[in-house]
C-alpha cells in the first residue's frame, strides 16, 4: 500500500549539509544493523568537497519540511517504489533531509563510456513508498546522461526485498558476478606487497 503523495525536492549535496548527512547516515547504519563507520561531518567536508572530491551526493527534502532557500529544480510526487516502513512525518517538523544518494564517477570498458557508481542510497522510514529513492536515481541518471555518460551501477543486500523489488523494476540484475572487497589489514598487506613492484610513493 502506497502512502499519500508528498511533494519533494532534490538538490546536490552542499558542504553545509555535512552535519545533516552525517546524522542521516548514522541512522542508515543503525537501521540495517551495520557497524558504525567514521563517516562524520568532518569527513564529509574533507572527502566530498574541494579540488578533487572523492564522492558526490543528492539530498531529498519534503517540500513541506522547510524547503525555503533550497536550490530546487522541481517538485516530485511519484509514488512508485521505496522501501515500506511505518512512522510519522518526523522530518516535516525538523526540516531535515528525508534521504540521500551518494555516488562516485566511474568507467565501464564493456560499454566504453563513463557513468556513476552509487555508493549508498537511503530514505528514512517516515518518508518511504513516496517515490523518493527512484526519483534520486532518476535525477542522477539524467545528470550522467547530460554529461555524456551511459550507466549507473550499484549493489544491495538481497535480504532487503523492498529495495530489490524497486531495483528489479528499473535495472538489470547481474548474474554470475561476485563483488570483492579488500580493506583493513588485507588492504594494507596487499599495498605493502605492491611496494615490491614499484608502487607507492618513492
C-alpha atoms as a PDB file:
ATOM      1  CA  UNK A   1       0.000   0.000   0.000  1.00  0.00           C
ATOM      2  CA  UNK A   2       1.456   3.335  -1.076  1.00  0.00           C
ATOM      3  CA  UNK A   3       1.437   6.369   1.171  1.00  0.00           C
ATOM      4  CA  UNK A   4      -0.253   9.636   0.262  1.00  0.00           C
ATOM      5  CA  UNK A   5       1.506  11.745  -2.316  1.00  0.00           C
ATOM      6  CA  UNK A   6       4.096  14.101  -0.847  1.00  0.00           C
ATOM      7  CA  UNK A   7       5.819  16.756  -2.971  1.00  0.00           C
ATOM      8  CA  UNK A   8       9.562  16.757  -2.536  1.00  0.00           C
ATOM      9  CA  UNK A   9      12.655  18.447  -3.874  1.00  0.00           C
ATOM     10  CA  UNK A  10      16.056  17.041  -4.806  1.00  0.00           C
ATOM     11  CA  UNK A  11      19.270  19.035  -4.875  1.00  0.00           C
ATOM     12  CA  UNK A  12      23.009  18.386  -4.849  1.00  0.00           C
ATOM     13  CA  UNK A  13      24.822  17.900  -1.556  1.00  0.00           C
ATOM     14  CA  UNK A  14      26.499  21.064  -0.240  1.00  0.00           C
ATOM     15  CA  UNK A  15      29.261  21.460   2.323  1.00  0.00           C
ATOM     16  CA  UNK A  16      26.865  22.998   4.833  1.00  0.00           C
ATOM     17  CA  UNK A  17      24.731  19.826   4.624  1.00  0.00           C
ATOM     18  CA  UNK A  18      27.537  17.767   6.206  1.00  0.00           C
ATOM     19  CA  UNK A  19      26.060  17.618   9.753  1.00  0.00           C
ATOM     20  CA  UNK A  20      22.611  16.635   8.487  1.00  0.00           C
ATOM     21  CA  UNK A  21      24.049  13.978   6.180  1.00  0.00           C
ATOM     22  CA  UNK A  22      26.233  12.546   8.956  1.00  0.00           C
ATOM     23  CA  UNK A  23      23.179  12.234  11.214  1.00  0.00           C
ATOM     24  CA  UNK A  24      21.108  10.584   8.492  1.00  0.00           C
ATOM     25  CA  UNK A  25      23.986   8.249   7.591  1.00  0.00           C
ATOM     26  CA  UNK A  26      24.284   7.087  11.204  1.00  0.00           C
ATOM     27  CA  UNK A  27      20.540   6.371  11.143  1.00  0.00           C
ATOM     28  CA  UNK A  28      21.050   4.400   7.920  1.00  0.00           C
ATOM     29  CA  UNK A  29      23.771   2.278   9.541  1.00  0.00           C
ATOM     30  CA  UNK A  30      21.657   1.567  12.612  1.00  0.00           C
ATOM     31  CA  UNK A  31      18.588   0.700  10.544  1.00  0.00           C
ATOM     32  CA  UNK A  32      20.465  -2.054   8.703  1.00  0.00           C
ATOM     33  CA  UNK A  33      22.473  -3.293  11.670  1.00  0.00           C
ATOM     34  CA  UNK A  34      25.788  -2.130  10.250  1.00  0.00           C
ATOM     35  CA  UNK A  35      28.775  -1.342  12.450  1.00  0.00           C
ATOM     36  CA  UNK A  36      29.380   2.351  12.969  1.00  0.00           C
ATOM     37  CA  UNK A  37      31.610   3.945  10.344  1.00  0.00           C
ATOM     38  CA  UNK A  38      33.624   7.129  10.810  1.00  0.00           C
ATOM     39  CA  UNK A  39      31.579   8.990   8.196  1.00  0.00           C
ATOM     40  CA  UNK A  40      31.375  12.210  10.203  1.00  0.00           C
ATOM     41  CA  UNK A  41      30.559  15.748   9.131  1.00  0.00           C
ATOM     42  CA  UNK A  42      34.297  16.477   9.113  1.00  0.00           C
ATOM     43  CA  UNK A  43      34.978  13.506   6.814  1.00  0.00           C
ATOM     44  CA  UNK A  44      32.111  14.511   4.528  1.00  0.00           C
ATOM     45  CA  UNK A  45      33.527  18.026   4.134  1.00  0.00           C
ATOM     46  CA  UNK A  46      37.064  16.678   3.670  1.00  0.00           C
ATOM     47  CA  UNK A  47      36.302  13.963   1.108  1.00  0.00           C
ATOM     48  CA  UNK A  48      33.179  15.281  -0.619  1.00  0.00           C
ATOM     49  CA  UNK A  49      34.394  18.771  -1.497  1.00  0.00           C
ATOM     50  CA  UNK A  50      37.497  20.652  -2.562  1.00  0.00           C
ATOM     51  CA  UNK A  51      39.521  20.438  -5.753  1.00  0.00           C
ATOM     52  CA  UNK A  52      39.196  16.635  -6.098  1.00  0.00           C
ATOM     53  CA  UNK A  53      36.101  15.348  -4.272  1.00  0.00           C
ATOM     54  CA  UNK A  54      36.010  11.570  -3.823  1.00  0.00           C
ATOM     55  CA  UNK A  55      32.215  11.368  -3.874  1.00  0.00           C
ATOM     56  CA  UNK A  56      29.174  13.481  -4.645  1.00  0.00           C
ATOM     57  CA  UNK A  57      25.642  13.364  -3.361  1.00  0.00           C
ATOM     58  CA  UNK A  58      21.981  14.229  -3.701  1.00  0.00           C
ATOM     59  CA  UNK A  59      19.594  15.042  -0.869  1.00  0.00           C
ATOM     60  CA  UNK A  60      15.828  14.763  -0.996  1.00  0.00           C
ATOM     61  CA  UNK A  61      13.735  17.168   1.069  1.00  0.00           C
ATOM     62  CA  UNK A  62       9.966  17.069   1.666  1.00  0.00           C
ATOM     63  CA  UNK A  63       8.609  20.260   0.178  1.00  0.00           C
ATOM     64  CA  UNK A  64       6.637  20.789   3.399  1.00  0.00           C
ATOM     65  CA  UNK A  65       9.789  20.478   5.542  1.00  0.00           C
ATOM     66  CA  UNK A  66      11.168  23.978   5.471  1.00  0.00           C
ATOM     67  CA  UNK A  67      12.202  23.920   1.822  1.00  0.00           C
ATOM     68  CA  UNK A  68      12.810  27.643   1.660  1.00  0.00           C
ATOM     69  CA  UNK A  69      16.225  28.513   0.291  1.00  0.00           C
ATOM     70  CA  UNK A  70      16.729  25.157  -1.448  1.00  0.00           C
ATOM     71  CA  UNK A  71      18.241  25.199  -4.898  1.00  0.00           C
ATOM     72  CA  UNK A  72      15.355  23.124  -6.138  1.00  0.00           C
ATOM     73  CA  UNK A  73      14.847  22.104  -9.728  1.00  0.00           C
ATOM     74  CA  UNK A  74      11.288  20.929  -9.413  1.00  0.00           C
ATOM     75  CA  UNK A  75       8.991  19.001  -7.107  1.00  0.00           C
ATOM     76  CA  UNK A  76       8.105  15.330  -7.484  1.00  0.00           C
ATOM     77  CA  UNK A  77       5.278  13.136  -6.276  1.00  0.00           C
ATOM     78  CA  UNK A  78       5.997   9.711  -7.772  1.00  0.00           C
ATOM     79  CA  UNK A  79       4.539   7.038  -5.508  1.00  0.00           C
ATOM     80  CA  UNK A  80       6.255   4.098  -7.185  1.00  0.00           C
ATOM     81  CA  UNK A  81       8.823   2.413  -5.236  1.00  0.00           C
ATOM     82  CA  UNK A  82      10.672   2.978  -1.988  1.00  0.00           C
ATOM     83  CA  UNK A  83      11.036   0.620   0.968  1.00  0.00           C
ATOM     84  CA  UNK A  84       7.955   0.124   3.105  1.00  0.00           C
ATOM     85  CA  UNK A  85       8.007   1.024   6.777  1.00  0.00           C
ATOM     86  CA  UNK A  86       5.959   2.669   9.494  1.00  0.00           C
ATOM     87  CA  UNK A  87       6.385   6.058  11.056  1.00  0.00           C
ATOM     88  CA  UNK A  88       5.112   9.598  11.240  1.00  0.00           C
ATOM     89  CA  UNK A  89       6.249  12.705   9.467  1.00  0.00           C
ATOM     90  CA  UNK A  90       9.061  13.404  11.903  1.00  0.00           C
ATOM     91  CA  UNK A  91      11.214  15.281   9.384  1.00  0.00           C
ATOM     92  CA  UNK A  92       8.361  17.549   8.421  1.00  0.00           C
ATOM     93  CA  UNK A  93       8.715  19.287  11.775  1.00  0.00           C
ATOM     94  CA  UNK A  94      12.505  19.111  11.908  1.00  0.00           C
ATOM     95  CA  UNK A  95      13.107  20.410   8.405  1.00  0.00           C
ATOM     96  CA  UNK A  96      15.947  17.969   7.671  1.00  0.00           C
ATOM     97  CA  UNK A  97      16.515  15.850   4.568  1.00  0.00           C
ATOM     98  CA  UNK A  98      14.421  12.726   4.141  1.00  0.00           C
ATOM     99  CA  UNK A  99      17.093  10.758   2.311  1.00  0.00           C
ATOM    100  CA  UNK A 100      20.331  10.783   0.374  1.00  0.00           C
ATOM    101  CA  UNK A 101      22.154   9.221  -2.552  1.00  0.00           C
ATOM    102  CA  UNK A 102      25.953   9.175  -2.597  1.00  0.00           C
ATOM    103  CA  UNK A 103      27.855   8.350  -5.772  1.00  0.00           C
ATOM    104  CA  UNK A 104      31.239   8.485  -7.445  1.00  0.00           C
ATOM    105  CA  UNK A 105      32.250   8.685 -11.087  1.00  0.00           C
ATOM    106  CA  UNK A 106      33.352   5.522 -12.868  1.00  0.00           C
ATOM    107  CA  UNK A 107      34.095   3.978 -16.240  1.00  0.00           C
ATOM    108  CA  UNK A 108      32.884   0.755 -17.880  1.00  0.00           C
ATOM    109  CA  UNK A 109      35.149  -0.756 -20.523  1.00  0.00           C
ATOM    110  CA  UNK A 110      32.369  -3.080 -21.724  1.00  0.00           C
ATOM    111  CA  UNK A 111      30.208  -0.070 -22.552  1.00  0.00           C
ATOM    112  CA  UNK A 112      33.176   2.170 -23.407  1.00  0.00           C
ATOM    113  CA  UNK A 113      31.673   5.084 -21.532  1.00  0.00           C
ATOM    114  CA  UNK A 114      31.687   6.793 -18.179  1.00  0.00           C
ATOM    115  CA  UNK A 115      28.901   6.708 -15.632  1.00  0.00           C
ATOM    116  CA  UNK A 116      28.237   6.655 -11.905  1.00  0.00           C
ATOM    117  CA  UNK A 117      28.641   4.110  -9.131  1.00  0.00           C
ATOM    118  CA  UNK A 118      26.020   4.516  -6.419  1.00  0.00           C
ATOM    119  CA  UNK A 119      27.692   4.149  -3.023  1.00  0.00           C
ATOM    120  CA  UNK A 120      24.713   4.474  -0.693  1.00  0.00           C
ATOM    121  CA  UNK A 121      21.001   5.163  -1.099  1.00  0.00           C
ATOM    122  CA  UNK A 122      18.700   5.705   1.871  1.00  0.00           C
ATOM    123  CA  UNK A 123      15.264   7.107   2.618  1.00  0.00           C
ATOM    124  CA  UNK A 124      14.197   7.476   6.253  1.00  0.00           C
ATOM    125  CA  UNK A 125      11.257   5.266   7.318  1.00  0.00           C
ATOM    126  CA  UNK A 126       8.647   8.051   7.644  1.00  0.00           C
ATOM    127  CA  UNK A 127       9.202   9.011   4.000  1.00  0.00           C
ATOM    128  CA  UNK A 128       9.340   5.639   2.267  1.00  0.00           C
ATOM    129  CA  UNK A 129       6.988   4.477  -0.504  1.00  0.00           C
ATOM    130  CA  UNK A 130       6.676   8.016  -1.849  1.00  0.00           C
ATOM    131  CA  UNK A 131       8.980   7.600  -4.851  1.00  0.00           C
ATOM    132  CA  UNK A 132      11.971   9.393  -3.333  1.00  0.00           C
ATOM    133  CA  UNK A 133      14.588   6.668  -3.919  1.00  0.00           C
ATOM    134  CA  UNK A 134      13.549   6.179  -7.519  1.00  0.00           C
ATOM    135  CA  UNK A 135      13.482   9.939  -8.093  1.00  0.00           C
ATOM    136  CA  UNK A 136      17.046  10.330  -6.790  1.00  0.00           C
ATOM    137  CA  UNK A 137      18.250   7.542  -9.080  1.00  0.00           C
ATOM    138  CA  UNK A 138      16.412   9.161 -11.992  1.00  0.00           C
ATOM    139  CA  UNK A 139      17.912  12.555 -11.196  1.00  0.00           C
ATOM    140  CA  UNK A 140      21.416  11.041 -11.127  1.00  0.00           C
ATOM    141  CA  UNK A 141      20.781   9.175 -14.394  1.00  0.00           C
ATOM    142  CA  UNK A 142      19.700  12.424 -16.067  1.00  0.00           C
ATOM    143  CA  UNK A 143      22.799  14.214 -14.785  1.00  0.00           C
ATOM    144  CA  UNK A 144      25.071  11.414 -16.042  1.00  0.00           C
ATOM    145  CA  UNK A 145      23.325  11.357 -19.424  1.00  0.00           C
ATOM    146  CA  UNK A 146      23.647  15.119 -19.822  1.00  0.00           C
ATOM    147  CA  UNK A 147      27.386  14.808 -19.084  1.00  0.00           C
ATOM    148  CA  UNK A 148      27.760  12.230 -21.862  1.00  0.00           C
ATOM    149  CA  UNK A 149      27.696   9.145 -19.626  1.00  0.00           C
ATOM    150  CA  UNK A 150      25.717   5.976 -20.078  1.00  0.00           C
ATOM    151  CA  UNK A 151      25.197   3.913 -16.922  1.00  0.00           C
ATOM    152  CA  UNK A 152      24.529   3.645 -13.205  1.00  0.00           C
ATOM    153  CA  UNK A 153      25.842   0.724 -11.188  1.00  0.00           C
ATOM    154  CA  UNK A 154      25.029  -0.274  -7.620  1.00  0.00           C
ATOM    155  CA  UNK A 155      24.700  -3.233  -5.298  1.00  0.00           C
ATOM    156  CA  UNK A 156      22.321  -4.094  -2.490  1.00  0.00           C
ATOM    157  CA  UNK A 157      21.794  -6.607   0.277  1.00  0.00           C
ATOM    158  CA  UNK A 158      19.499  -9.229  -1.263  1.00  0.00           C
ATOM    159  CA  UNK A 159      17.710  -9.569   2.079  1.00  0.00           C
ATOM    160  CA  UNK A 160      16.357  -6.050   1.607  1.00  0.00           C
ATOM    161  CA  UNK A 161      13.434  -7.232  -0.501  1.00  0.00           C
ATOM    162  CA  UNK A 162      11.614  -3.894  -0.886  1.00  0.00           C
ATOM    163  CA  UNK A 163      14.796  -2.358  -2.297  1.00  0.00           C
ATOM    164  CA  UNK A 164      15.425  -5.368  -4.542  1.00  0.00           C
ATOM    165  CA  UNK A 165      11.856  -5.137  -5.857  1.00  0.00           C
ATOM    166  CA  UNK A 166      12.406  -1.494  -6.788  1.00  0.00           C
ATOM    167  CA  UNK A 167      15.776  -2.103  -8.412  1.00  0.00           C
ATOM    168  CA  UNK A 168      14.493  -5.027 -10.468  1.00  0.00           C
ATOM    169  CA  UNK A 169      11.887  -2.712 -11.991  1.00  0.00           C
ATOM    170  CA  UNK A 170      14.443  -0.171 -13.201  1.00  0.00           C
ATOM    171  CA  UNK A 171      17.704  -2.081 -13.712  1.00  0.00           C
ATOM    172  CA  UNK A 172      19.063  -5.450 -14.811  1.00  0.00           C
ATOM    173  CA  UNK A 173      20.333  -7.800 -12.068  1.00  0.00           C
ATOM    174  CA  UNK A 174      23.855  -9.018 -12.773  1.00  0.00           C
ATOM    175  CA  UNK A 175      24.195 -12.809 -12.682  1.00  0.00           C
ATOM    176  CA  UNK A 176      27.375 -14.849 -12.461  1.00  0.00           C
ATOM    177  CA  UNK A 177      29.235 -11.917 -10.906  1.00  0.00           C
ATOM    178  CA  UNK A 178      30.795 -11.671  -7.435  1.00  0.00           C
ATOM    179  CA  UNK A 179      31.839  -8.478  -5.697  1.00  0.00           C
ATOM    180  CA  UNK A 180      35.055  -8.458  -3.678  1.00  0.00           C
ATOM    181  CA  UNK A 181      36.222  -6.004  -1.031  1.00  0.00           C
ATOM    182  CA  UNK A 182      39.857  -5.602   0.024  1.00  0.00           C
ATOM    183  CA  UNK A 183      40.119  -3.305   3.024  1.00  0.00           C
ATOM    184  CA  UNK A 184      41.549  -3.135   6.533  1.00  0.00           C
ATOM    185  CA  UNK A 185      44.526  -5.424   7.194  1.00  0.00           C
ATOM    186  CA  UNK A 186      44.065  -7.243   3.881  1.00  0.00           C
ATOM    187  CA  UNK A 187      44.351  -3.946   2.018  1.00  0.00           C
ATOM    188  CA  UNK A 188      47.467  -2.933   3.946  1.00  0.00           C
ATOM    189  CA  UNK A 189      49.120  -6.291   3.231  1.00  0.00           C
ATOM    190  CA  UNK A 190      48.371  -6.005  -0.477  1.00  0.00           C
ATOM    191  CA  UNK A 191      49.588  -2.386  -0.572  1.00  0.00           C
ATOM    192  CA  UNK A 192      52.772  -3.446   1.206  1.00  0.00           C
ATOM    193  CA  UNK A 193      53.290  -6.145  -1.407  1.00  0.00           C
ATOM    194  CA  UNK A 194      52.811  -3.532  -4.102  1.00  0.00           C
ATOM    195  CA  UNK A 195      55.860  -1.617  -2.942  1.00  0.00           C
ATOM    196  CA  UNK A 196      57.977  -4.521  -4.151  1.00  0.00           C
ATOM    197  CA  UNK A 197      56.535  -3.918  -7.600  1.00  0.00           C
ATOM    198  CA  UNK A 198      57.237  -0.215  -7.762  1.00  0.00           C
ATOM    199  CA  UNK A 199      54.014   1.040  -6.219  1.00  0.00           C
ATOM    200  CA  UNK A 200      53.550   3.788  -3.665  1.00  0.00           C
ATOM    201  CA  UNK A 201      55.427   6.989  -3.018  1.00  0.00           C
ATOM    202  CA  UNK A 202      59.198   6.897  -3.622  1.00  0.00           C
END
